[in-house]
Protein backbone atom coordinates (compact mmCIF):
# COMPACT_ATOMS: atom_id res chain seq x y z
CA MET A 1 -0.03 0.02 0.02
CA ASN A 2 1.55 3.26 -1.10
CA ASP A 3 1.40 6.59 0.88
CA ALA A 4 -1.63 7.92 -1.04
CA GLU A 5 -3.66 4.80 -0.31
CA SER A 6 -2.71 4.82 3.32
CA ASN A 7 -3.69 8.49 3.65
CA GLU A 8 -7.07 7.84 1.97
CA MET A 9 -7.76 4.95 4.39
CA SER A 10 -6.86 7.00 7.46
CA GLN A 11 -9.15 9.78 6.15
CA GLN A 12 -12.04 7.20 5.79
CA LEU A 13 -11.44 5.88 9.20
CA GLY A 14 -11.38 9.35 10.67
CA GLU A 15 -14.55 10.30 9.01
CA ALA A 16 -16.31 6.98 10.14
CA GLY A 17 -15.07 7.78 13.74
CA THR A 18 -16.42 11.23 13.65
CA ARG A 19 -19.78 10.01 12.25
CA GLU A 20 -19.87 7.45 15.21
CA ILE A 21 -19.06 10.10 17.73
CA GLY A 22 -21.72 12.43 16.24
CA ALA A 23 -24.31 9.60 16.35
CA ARG A 24 -23.48 9.01 19.96
CA LEU A 25 -23.74 12.67 20.85
CA GLU A 26 -27.09 12.78 19.04
CA HIS A 27 -28.36 9.77 20.93
CA THR A 28 -27.23 11.25 24.27
CA ASN A 29 -28.93 14.58 23.55
CA GLU A 30 -32.14 12.70 22.66
CA LEU A 31 -32.08 10.95 25.99
CA LEU A 32 -31.43 14.11 27.73
CA HIS A 33 -34.38 15.86 26.17
CA ARG A 34 -36.58 12.91 26.94
CA MET A 35 -35.49 13.04 30.65
CA LEU A 36 -36.06 16.80 30.81
CA ALA A 37 -39.47 16.45 29.26
CA GLU A 38 -40.45 13.83 31.89
CA VAL A 39 -39.17 16.15 34.75
CA ALA A 40 -41.11 18.97 33.33
CA LYS A 41 -44.26 16.78 33.27
CA THR A 42 -43.68 15.68 36.85
CA PRO A 43 -45.43 17.94 39.40
CA SER A 44 -43.62 19.17 42.48
CA THR A 45 -44.81 17.76 45.77
CA HIS A 46 -45.39 19.38 49.24
CA ALA A 47 -46.28 18.03 52.61
CA ILE A 48 -47.52 19.79 55.79
CA PHE A 49 -45.98 18.92 59.18
CA VAL A 50 -48.10 19.97 62.20
CA ASP A 51 -46.78 20.07 65.77
CA ALA A 52 -50.14 19.56 67.47
CA GLY A 53 -48.89 20.55 70.83
CA TYR A 54 -47.87 23.96 69.46
CA VAL A 55 -51.33 24.35 67.61
CA TYR A 56 -53.31 23.50 70.74
CA ALA A 57 -51.32 25.88 72.95
CA ALA A 58 -51.12 28.78 70.49
CA ALA A 59 -54.64 28.58 68.96
CA GLY A 60 -56.27 27.86 72.43
CA LEU A 61 -54.60 30.82 73.98
CA LEU A 62 -55.42 33.03 71.02
CA VAL A 63 -59.11 32.08 70.77
CA ALA A 64 -60.08 30.64 74.29
CA GLY A 65 -57.56 32.46 76.40
CA THR A 66 -56.03 29.27 77.70
CA GLU A 67 -53.49 26.59 76.67
CA ASP A 68 -55.25 23.91 78.66
CA ARG A 69 -56.68 21.40 76.24
CA ARG A 70 -59.43 20.33 78.61
CA SER A 71 -60.85 23.91 78.50
CA PHE A 72 -61.66 23.91 74.82
CA ASP A 73 -62.40 21.57 71.79
CA LEU A 74 -60.32 21.74 68.63
CA ASP A 75 -62.00 20.92 65.32
CA ALA A 76 -58.76 19.20 63.95
CA GLU A 77 -60.51 17.89 60.84
CA GLY A 78 -61.66 21.41 59.79
CA LEU A 79 -58.16 22.94 60.71
CA ILE A 80 -56.34 20.32 58.71
CA GLU A 81 -58.63 20.94 55.78
CA ALA A 82 -57.99 24.72 56.10
CA PHE A 83 -54.15 24.06 56.12
CA ILE A 84 -54.58 21.88 52.93
CA ASP A 85 -56.57 24.68 51.20
CA LYS A 86 -53.98 27.22 52.16
CA ALA A 87 -51.15 25.02 50.89
CA ARG A 88 -53.07 24.50 47.63
CA THR A 89 -53.08 28.28 47.01
CA ILE A 90 -49.46 28.75 47.99
CA PHE A 91 -48.10 25.77 46.13
CA ALA A 92 -50.31 26.09 43.11
CA ASP A 93 -48.35 23.92 40.77
CA SER A 94 -47.62 21.23 43.45
CA ARG A 95 -49.55 18.15 44.72
CA LEU A 96 -50.02 17.15 48.41
CA LEU A 97 -48.08 14.10 49.55
CA ARG A 98 -49.89 14.07 52.89
CA VAL A 99 -50.26 15.97 56.23
CA TYR A 100 -48.28 14.76 59.27
CA TRP A 101 -49.83 15.32 62.62
CA TYR A 102 -47.42 15.08 65.60
CA ASP A 103 -48.81 14.71 69.03
CA GLY A 104 -48.04 13.02 72.43
CA ALA A 105 -49.91 10.28 74.13
CA ARG A 106 -49.39 7.99 77.23
CA ARG A 107 -47.25 5.04 76.12
CA ARG A 108 -47.77 6.23 72.51
CA ILE A 109 -51.38 4.75 72.52
CA HIS A 110 -53.80 6.78 70.36
CA THR A 111 -56.55 8.62 72.17
CA PRO A 112 -60.05 8.42 70.67
CA GLU A 113 -59.48 12.00 69.30
CA GLN A 114 -56.11 11.00 67.78
CA GLN A 115 -57.67 7.89 66.20
CA SER A 116 -60.30 10.00 64.49
CA ILE A 117 -57.58 12.27 63.11
CA ALA A 118 -55.63 9.26 61.97
CA GLU A 119 -58.56 8.11 59.94
CA LEU A 120 -58.69 11.29 57.94
CA PRO A 121 -57.64 10.94 54.25
CA ASP A 122 -54.07 12.14 53.46
CA VAL A 123 -53.28 12.39 57.30
CA LYS A 124 -50.71 10.42 59.12
CA VAL A 125 -50.56 10.64 62.93
CA ARG A 126 -47.15 10.30 64.53
CA LEU A 127 -46.97 10.05 68.34
CA GLY A 128 -44.36 10.93 70.85
CA ASN A 129 -44.67 10.17 74.58
CA LEU A 130 -46.19 12.19 77.42
CA ASN A 131 -44.29 12.44 80.65
CA ALA A 132 -45.75 12.87 84.13
CA ASN A 133 -45.99 16.67 83.56
CA ASN A 134 -47.96 16.23 80.43
CA GLN A 135 -44.94 17.36 78.34
CA GLN A 136 -44.38 15.90 74.86
CA LYS A 137 -41.24 13.84 74.45
CA GLY A 138 -39.76 12.69 71.17
CA VAL A 139 -41.95 14.73 68.84
CA ASP A 140 -39.27 17.00 67.52
CA SER A 141 -37.09 13.98 66.59
CA LEU A 142 -40.08 12.47 64.76
CA ILE A 143 -40.52 15.66 62.71
CA ARG A 144 -36.77 15.80 61.92
CA THR A 145 -36.76 12.15 60.85
CA ASP A 146 -39.67 12.56 58.39
CA LEU A 147 -38.48 15.87 57.11
CA GLU A 148 -34.98 14.58 56.37
CA SER A 149 -36.15 11.24 54.92
CA LEU A 150 -38.62 12.74 52.53
CA ALA A 151 -36.23 15.46 51.41
CA ARG A 152 -33.40 12.98 50.91
CA HIS A 153 -35.56 10.79 48.81
CA ARG A 154 -36.72 13.81 46.79
CA ALA A 155 -40.35 12.90 47.87
CA ILE A 156 -41.10 16.57 48.54
CA SER A 157 -39.85 19.87 47.17
CA ASP A 158 -41.54 22.10 49.78
CA ALA A 159 -42.47 21.48 53.46
CA ALA A 160 -45.02 23.61 55.38
CA LEU A 161 -44.01 23.37 59.09
CA VAL A 162 -46.51 24.42 61.70
CA GLY A 163 -44.64 24.82 64.88
CA GLY A 164 -42.44 27.19 66.95
CA ASP A 165 -39.91 25.16 69.00
CA GLU A 166 -36.25 26.02 68.59
CA ASP A 167 -35.48 22.19 68.59
CA LEU A 168 -37.06 22.18 65.00
CA VAL A 169 -34.04 24.14 63.73
CA SER A 170 -32.05 20.93 63.10
CA ALA A 171 -35.10 19.45 61.17
CA VAL A 172 -35.17 22.53 58.89
CA GLU A 173 -31.41 22.36 58.24
CA ALA A 174 -31.57 18.63 57.42
CA ALA A 175 -34.39 19.10 54.86
CA GLN A 176 -32.75 22.08 53.29
CA GLY A 177 -29.52 20.26 53.09
CA TYR A 178 -31.22 17.89 50.52
CA GLY A 179 -32.74 20.74 48.52
CA ALA A 180 -36.21 21.11 50.02
CA ARG A 181 -37.67 24.49 50.89
CA VAL A 182 -39.11 24.77 54.34
CA HIS A 183 -41.96 27.30 55.02
CA LEU A 184 -42.77 28.10 58.62
CA TRP A 185 -46.42 28.51 59.53
CA GLY A 186 -47.37 29.99 62.85
CA ILE A 187 -50.45 31.15 64.87
CA GLU A 188 -50.71 34.77 65.90
CA ALA A 189 -49.46 35.35 69.46
CA SER A 190 -51.72 37.34 71.74
CA ASP A 191 -48.61 38.93 73.21
CA GLY A 192 -44.93 38.85 71.92
CA SER A 193 -44.01 35.71 69.76
CA ASN A 194 -44.72 32.06 70.10
CA GLN A 195 -41.99 30.90 67.66
CA ALA A 196 -38.32 30.77 68.45
CA GLU A 197 -36.24 33.42 66.71
CA PRO A 198 -33.47 30.86 65.49
CA LEU A 199 -36.32 28.97 63.79
CA LEU A 200 -37.62 32.18 62.11
CA TRP A 201 -34.08 32.91 60.85
CA GLU A 202 -33.54 29.41 59.36
CA VAL A 203 -36.71 28.82 57.25
CA ASP A 204 -37.24 29.92 53.75
CA SER A 205 -40.50 31.77 54.32
CA GLN A 206 -42.93 32.67 57.08
CA ARG A 207 -46.71 32.89 57.41
CA THR A 208 -48.91 33.66 60.42
CA PHE A 209 -52.62 32.63 60.83
CA ASP A 210 -54.63 35.25 62.73
CA LEU A 211 -57.67 35.13 65.09
CA ASP A 212 -60.23 35.11 62.31
CA PHE A 213 -58.53 32.11 60.75
CA CYS A 214 -58.38 30.12 63.90
CA ARG A 215 -61.65 31.14 65.51
CA PRO A 216 -63.98 28.65 63.63
CA TYR A 217 -61.89 25.74 64.88
CA ILE A 218 -61.80 26.40 68.66
CA THR A 219 -64.85 26.05 70.99
CA ARG A 220 -64.51 26.76 74.67
CA ARG A 221 -66.06 24.12 76.82
CA PRO A 222 -68.73 25.10 79.37
CA VAL A 223 -67.78 25.13 83.04
CA THR A 224 -68.68 21.85 84.65
CA THR A 225 -71.48 21.89 87.14
CA TYR A 226 -72.43 19.07 89.54
CA GLU A 227 -75.90 17.91 90.60
CA ASN A 228 -75.04 17.63 94.28
CA GLU A 229 -73.35 20.99 94.55
CA GLY A 230 -75.76 21.98 97.32
CA ALA A 231 -75.00 18.89 99.41
CA PRO A 232 -72.52 19.08 102.28
CA PRO A 233 -68.75 18.81 101.12
CA PRO A 234 -67.13 15.40 101.37
CA SER A 235 -64.95 14.57 104.33
CA ARG A 236 -61.26 15.03 104.24
CA ASP A 237 -60.90 11.19 104.51
CA ASP A 238 -63.05 10.67 101.58
CA VAL A 239 -61.04 13.02 99.50
CA ARG A 240 -57.73 11.52 100.67
CA PHE A 241 -59.05 8.05 99.57
CA VAL A 242 -59.96 9.44 96.16
CA GLY A 243 -56.42 10.93 95.79
CA ALA A 244 -54.89 7.58 96.57
CA GLN A 245 -57.22 5.87 93.99
CA ILE A 246 -56.09 8.33 91.27
CA ALA A 247 -52.44 7.80 92.13
CA ALA A 248 -52.92 4.01 91.75
CA THR A 249 -54.64 4.45 88.45
CA TRP A 250 -51.95 6.72 87.16
CA LEU A 251 -49.23 4.45 88.33
CA ALA A 252 -50.70 1.63 86.19
CA GLU A 253 -51.33 3.86 83.29
CA ARG A 254 -48.19 5.98 83.15
CA GLY A 255 -45.63 3.58 84.62
CA THR A 256 -43.40 3.71 87.58
CA GLU A 257 -40.68 5.74 85.93
CA SER A 258 -42.85 8.62 84.95
CA MET A 259 -44.45 8.68 88.46
CA ALA A 260 -41.19 8.37 90.26
CA ASP A 261 -40.08 11.61 88.49
CA LEU A 262 -42.60 13.41 90.72
CA LEU A 263 -41.06 12.31 94.08
CA PRO A 264 -38.17 14.91 94.15
CA GLY A 265 -40.75 17.69 94.13
CA HIS A 266 -42.71 16.50 97.17
CA PRO A 267 -44.86 18.04 98.62
CA TYR A 268 -45.45 20.05 95.42
CA LEU A 269 -46.91 18.74 92.08
CA PRO A 270 -46.18 20.23 88.75
CA GLY A 271 -49.04 22.51 87.67
CA PRO A 272 -50.46 20.28 84.88
CA VAL A 273 -50.32 17.20 87.13
CA ASP A 274 -52.01 19.07 90.02
CA GLN A 275 -54.67 20.30 87.59
CA ASP A 276 -55.27 16.84 86.17
CA LEU A 277 -55.57 15.48 89.74
CA LEU A 278 -58.17 18.08 90.70
CA VAL A 279 -60.27 17.53 87.52
CA GLN A 280 -60.29 13.71 88.00
CA ALA A 281 -61.15 13.94 91.64
CA GLU A 282 -64.04 16.31 90.97
CA ARG A 283 -65.35 13.85 88.29
CA VAL A 284 -65.20 10.98 90.93
CA LEU A 285 -66.73 13.04 93.68
CA GLN A 286 -69.25 14.81 91.43
CA ARG A 287 -68.38 17.83 93.45
CA SER A 288 -66.15 20.91 92.76
CA LEU A 289 -63.23 21.30 95.04
CA ARG A 290 -62.48 24.83 93.86
CA GLY A 291 -62.53 27.15 96.82
CA HIS A 292 -62.00 24.32 99.35
CA ALA A 293 -58.24 24.66 100.10
CA VAL A 294 -58.40 22.11 102.97
CA LEU A 295 -59.93 19.43 100.77
CA ARG A 296 -57.54 20.12 97.99
CA ARG A 297 -54.69 19.56 100.41
CA ALA A 298 -56.28 16.34 101.52
CA LEU A 299 -56.47 15.18 97.89
CA ARG A 300 -52.77 15.83 97.40
CA ASP A 301 -52.00 14.11 100.71
CA GLY A 302 -53.79 10.94 99.57
CA PHE A 303 -52.01 11.06 96.25
CA TRP A 304 -48.53 11.40 97.78
CA HIS A 305 -49.20 8.71 100.40
CA HIS A 306 -49.97 6.18 97.88
CA LEU A 307 -46.90 7.08 95.75
CA GLN A 308 -44.58 6.97 98.75
CA THR A 309 -45.84 3.49 99.70
CA GLN A 310 -44.88 2.23 96.29
CA TYR A 311 -41.27 3.35 96.39
């Protein structure tokens, strides 16, 4: 083969290689366009994360003037639907994944109210625990786990977070680290702020729901009256016995560990526990103990006496 033939063959091979590379590039571009077209057709997705403890406290205080759940009823179904409608207007081109409702319960066993919420469409109830002081434990970590997991798997592009605790900052950071945007929703505070400043600084946007938004979903319960209110008050011994009965019931329901946490505070009870004790005793006695300081002390004495006999 002479030099001319060799050059001609090299040129042919070069042209063939160029055509092959061109074909590959064209095929790659076609695949890329298909992928981009699919992405364009896929709607973004959002989810709503509700710290129920925050909602009860903030909305209850705003509408009913109290954070005590026993003093008012919350129309959770109506409020959740309102949150969904609001998200639908804010994230107009996005679809709802679901609403996550985080609350606390003794031994993480659903209350009847929590069961009814869990049965709602597109709602998932996640439960932390309640300690002896009626404080939620483990709720913030549940929110972080869900937010981070959904963002990591690209299951959501936007998260509406209804809450105010500073401990939620790490949950926001985790979700944002995977590219999700986190929007903080809050309830108007009657005085000052009910959301931690570090949380407000960290989120991508903020929105506050006012009194008019919350009022339809909060109904204050009437003050309890008792049929035998005009009868003589019960004796101190009777009230002490009821206090011991309630302590025994609580010990069985809440466990020895949570009840043992109360012992260092003797003779005082945390406010929420003392209020629970009073309400349950009045229910048993069918008699108000408000204004009867001596009987209330007898109630606490009976409660403490039973606890101390168990430890």
